[in-house]
Amino acid sequence: MNKPKKPHQVYTLLVEVGRNAGDGLPEGATGAALMCYASGVDEAEAVRETVAILKQADLAPLDVSGYGTLAERLAEGHDIDDDEQALMQRALDENSVIVAQMTPFFDDPVSDGADQG
């Protein structure tokens, strides 16, 4: 007997990546944060798919934080604009992972403790 297929939902994930040869990150970056929208039957599947795709892209995923589905985020009072919702819908329609934003990390020795006082 076949189980009914669970519907896919889109999860918002923040993935921290380290450096890897050929990762395409800017020179001097120590890693990056990627805001991703990933389709899955549950958050665990969305995380697995996202990590697998990022590894295929020569990125080095270190940590993944889940922020829930669109409905969960709206219930928590998150302000989600039309562009963001369109990217989420695209991830759902294509059963894919969309990297919506990448923020590179750079070591900044100037700010380490310099502004305490």
C-alpha atoms as a PDB file:
ATOM      1  CA  MET A   1       0.000   0.000   0.000  1.00  0.00           C
ATOM      2  CA  ASN A   2       1.418   3.372  -1.040  1.00  0.00           C
ATOM      3  CA  LYS A   3       1.511   6.163   1.471  1.00  0.00           C
ATOM      4  CA  PRO A   4       0.019   9.434   0.254  1.00  0.00           C
ATOM      5  CA  LYS A   5       2.739  11.823  -0.846  1.00  0.00           C
ATOM      6  CA  LYS A   6       3.401  14.579   1.628  1.00  0.00           C
ATOM      7  CA  PRO A   7       3.128  18.025   0.084  1.00  0.00           C
ATOM      8  CA  HIS A   8       6.344  19.947  -0.329  1.00  0.00           C
ATOM      9  CA  GLN A   9       6.823  23.218   1.461  1.00  0.00           C
ATOM     10  CA  VAL A  10       9.529  25.854   1.136  1.00  0.00           C
ATOM     11  CA  TYR A  11      11.848  26.415   4.066  1.00  0.00           C
ATOM     12  CA  THR A  12      14.010  29.461   4.658  1.00  0.00           C
ATOM     13  CA  LEU A  13      17.547  28.407   5.532  1.00  0.00           C
ATOM     14  CA  LEU A  14      20.633  30.389   6.457  1.00  0.00           C
ATOM     15  CA  VAL A  15      23.759  28.434   5.526  1.00  0.00           C
ATOM     16  CA  GLU A  16      27.245  29.367   6.675  1.00  0.00           C
ATOM     17  CA  VAL A  17      29.970  28.207   4.326  1.00  0.00           C
ATOM     18  CA  GLY A  18      33.733  28.105   4.713  1.00  0.00           C
ATOM     19  CA  ARG A  19      36.328  28.383   1.980  1.00  0.00           C
ATOM     20  CA  ASN A  20      36.891  25.715  -0.628  1.00  0.00           C
ATOM     21  CA  ALA A  21      38.938  25.687  -3.825  1.00  0.00           C
ATOM     22  CA  GLY A  22      36.818  26.965  -6.706  1.00  0.00           C
ATOM     23  CA  ASP A  23      33.986  28.209  -4.487  1.00  0.00           C
ATOM     24  CA  GLY A  24      33.665  31.543  -6.290  1.00  0.00           C
ATOM     25  CA  LEU A  25      33.757  33.613  -3.100  1.00  0.00           C
ATOM     26  CA  PRO A  26      35.548  36.977  -3.259  1.00  0.00           C
ATOM     27  CA  GLU A  27      39.299  37.057  -2.685  1.00  0.00           C
ATOM     28  CA  GLY A  28      40.085  37.565   0.985  1.00  0.00           C
ATOM     29  CA  ALA A  29      36.709  36.254   2.176  1.00  0.00           C
ATOM     30  CA  THR A  30      36.861  33.749   5.028  1.00  0.00           C
ATOM     31  CA  GLY A  31      33.447  32.297   4.176  1.00  0.00           C
ATOM     32  CA  ALA A  32      29.898  33.485   3.579  1.00  0.00           C
ATOM     33  CA  ALA A  33      26.299  33.346   4.706  1.00  0.00           C
ATOM     34  CA  LEU A  34      23.758  32.222   2.134  1.00  0.00           C
ATOM     35  CA  MET A  35      20.034  32.840   2.465  1.00  0.00           C
ATOM     36  CA  CYS A  36      18.342  29.930   0.714  1.00  0.00           C
ATOM     37  CA  TYR A  37      14.783  28.872  -0.025  1.00  0.00           C
ATOM     38  CA  ALA A  38      14.573  25.099  -0.277  1.00  0.00           C
ATOM     39  CA  SER A  39      11.685  22.802  -1.128  1.00  0.00           C
ATOM     40  CA  GLY A  40      11.114  19.648   0.891  1.00  0.00           C
ATOM     41  CA  VAL A  41       8.498  17.472   2.598  1.00  0.00           C
ATOM     42  CA  ASP A  42      10.051  18.588   5.886  1.00  0.00           C
ATOM     43  CA  GLU A  43      12.846  20.868   7.039  1.00  0.00           C
ATOM     44  CA  ALA A  44      15.322  17.984   7.387  1.00  0.00           C
ATOM     45  CA  GLU A  45      14.897  17.084   3.711  1.00  0.00           C
ATOM     46  CA  ALA A  46      15.234  20.746   2.697  1.00  0.00           C
ATOM     47  CA  VAL A  47      18.494  20.975   4.669  1.00  0.00           C
ATOM     48  CA  ARG A  48      19.876  17.752   3.139  1.00  0.00           C
ATOM     49  CA  GLU A  49      19.051  18.906  -0.396  1.00  0.00           C
ATOM     50  CA  THR A  50      20.545  22.350   0.195  1.00  0.00           C
ATOM     51  CA  VAL A  51      23.796  20.972   1.635  1.00  0.00           C
ATOM     52  CA  ALA A  52      24.126  18.486  -1.257  1.00  0.00           C
ATOM     53  CA  ILE A  53      23.606  21.193  -3.895  1.00  0.00           C
ATOM     54  CA  LEU A  54      26.036  23.612  -2.230  1.00  0.00           C
ATOM     55  CA  LYS A  55      28.682  20.868  -2.079  1.00  0.00           C
ATOM     56  CA  GLN A  56      28.149  20.217  -5.814  1.00  0.00           C
ATOM     57  CA  ALA A  57      28.841  23.947  -6.340  1.00  0.00           C
ATOM     58  CA  ASP A  58      32.226  23.551  -4.566  1.00  0.00           C
ATOM     59  CA  LEU A  59      31.000  25.378  -1.473  1.00  0.00           C
ATOM     60  CA  ALA A  60      31.815  24.088   2.027  1.00  0.00           C
ATOM     61  CA  PRO A  61      28.652  24.174   4.195  1.00  0.00           C
ATOM     62  CA  LEU A  62      29.507  24.453   7.904  1.00  0.00           C
ATOM     63  CA  ASP A  63      26.215  25.255   9.619  1.00  0.00           C
ATOM     64  CA  VAL A  64      22.535  25.497   8.667  1.00  0.00           C
ATOM     65  CA  SER A  65      19.894  27.464  10.589  1.00  0.00           C
ATOM     66  CA  GLY A  66      16.248  26.899   9.713  1.00  0.00           C
ATOM     67  CA  TYR A  67      13.706  29.722   9.881  1.00  0.00           C
ATOM     68  CA  GLY A  68      10.630  27.693   8.939  1.00  0.00           C
ATOM     69  CA  THR A  69       8.053  27.866   6.179  1.00  0.00           C
ATOM     70  CA  LEU A  70       6.425  30.990   4.763  1.00  0.00           C
ATOM     71  CA  ALA A  71       3.346  30.402   6.958  1.00  0.00           C
ATOM     72  CA  GLU A  72       5.500  29.928  10.074  1.00  0.00           C
ATOM     73  CA  ARG A  73       7.513  33.059   9.347  1.00  0.00           C
ATOM     74  CA  LEU A  74       4.383  35.143   8.716  1.00  0.00           C
ATOM     75  CA  ALA A  75       2.882  33.835  11.967  1.00  0.00           C
ATOM     76  CA  GLU A  76       6.030  35.011  13.775  1.00  0.00           C
ATOM     77  CA  GLY A  77       5.565  38.489  12.325  1.00  0.00           C
ATOM     78  CA  HIS A  78       8.386  38.414   9.759  1.00  0.00           C
ATOM     79  CA  ASP A  79       8.077  41.064   7.047  1.00  0.00           C
ATOM     80  CA  ILE A  80       8.342  39.131   3.777  1.00  0.00           C
ATOM     81  CA  ASP A  81       8.184  41.230   0.614  1.00  0.00           C
ATOM     82  CA  ASP A  82       6.750  40.207  -2.756  1.00  0.00           C
ATOM     83  CA  ASP A  83      10.185  39.488  -4.260  1.00  0.00           C
ATOM     84  CA  GLU A  84      11.050  37.105  -1.428  1.00  0.00           C
ATOM     85  CA  GLN A  85       7.667  35.371  -1.711  1.00  0.00           C
ATOM     86  CA  ALA A  86       8.183  35.036  -5.482  1.00  0.00           C
ATOM     87  CA  LEU A  87      11.546  33.301  -4.901  1.00  0.00           C
ATOM     88  CA  MET A  88       9.903  30.960  -2.387  1.00  0.00           C
ATOM     89  CA  GLN A  89       7.169  30.128  -4.904  1.00  0.00           C
ATOM     90  CA  ARG A  90       9.802  29.462  -7.568  1.00  0.00           C
ATOM     91  CA  ALA A  91      11.635  27.048  -5.232  1.00  0.00           C
ATOM     92  CA  LEU A  92       8.324  25.239  -4.660  1.00  0.00           C
ATOM     93  CA  ASP A  93       7.329  25.192  -8.358  1.00  0.00           C
ATOM     94  CA  GLU A  94      10.748  23.899  -9.436  1.00  0.00           C
ATOM     95  CA  ASN A  95      11.244  21.642  -6.374  1.00  0.00           C
ATOM     96  CA  SER A  96      14.626  23.279  -6.016  1.00  0.00           C
ATOM     97  CA  VAL A  97      16.970  25.298  -3.849  1.00  0.00           C
ATOM     98  CA  ILE A  98      17.211  29.026  -4.541  1.00  0.00           C
ATOM     99  CA  VAL A  99      20.149  31.003  -3.153  1.00  0.00           C
ATOM    100  CA  ALA A 100      18.550  34.399  -2.629  1.00  0.00           C
ATOM    101  CA  GLN A 101      21.450  36.248  -1.053  1.00  0.00           C
ATOM    102  CA  MET A 102      25.144  35.720  -0.340  1.00  0.00           C
ATOM    103  CA  THR A 103      27.029  37.794   2.214  1.00  0.00           C
ATOM    104  CA  PRO A 104      30.792  37.152   2.260  1.00  0.00           C
ATOM    105  CA  PHE A 105      32.662  37.216   5.573  1.00  0.00           C
ATOM    106  CA  PHE A 106      35.988  39.015   5.904  1.00  0.00           C
ATOM    107  CA  ASP A 107      38.322  39.096   8.893  1.00  0.00           C
ATOM    108  CA  ASP A 108      38.364  42.664  10.170  1.00  0.00           C
ATOM    109  CA  PRO A 109      41.226  43.034  12.662  1.00  0.00           C
ATOM    110  CA  VAL A 110      40.499  46.776  13.053  1.00  0.00           C
ATOM    111  CA  SER A 111      37.164  46.193  14.808  1.00  0.00           C
ATOM    112  CA  ASP A 112      38.339  43.370  17.108  1.00  0.00           C
ATOM    113  CA  GLY A 113      37.967  45.006  20.507  1.00  0.00           C
ATOM    114  CA  ALA A 114      38.866  48.451  19.167  1.00  0.00           C
ATOM    115  CA  ASP A 115      35.436  49.917  19.841  1.00  0.00           C
ATOM    116  CA  GLN A 116      35.190  48.863  23.481  1.00  0.00           C
ATOM    117  CA  GLY A 117      35.496  51.604  25.926  1.00  0.00           C
END
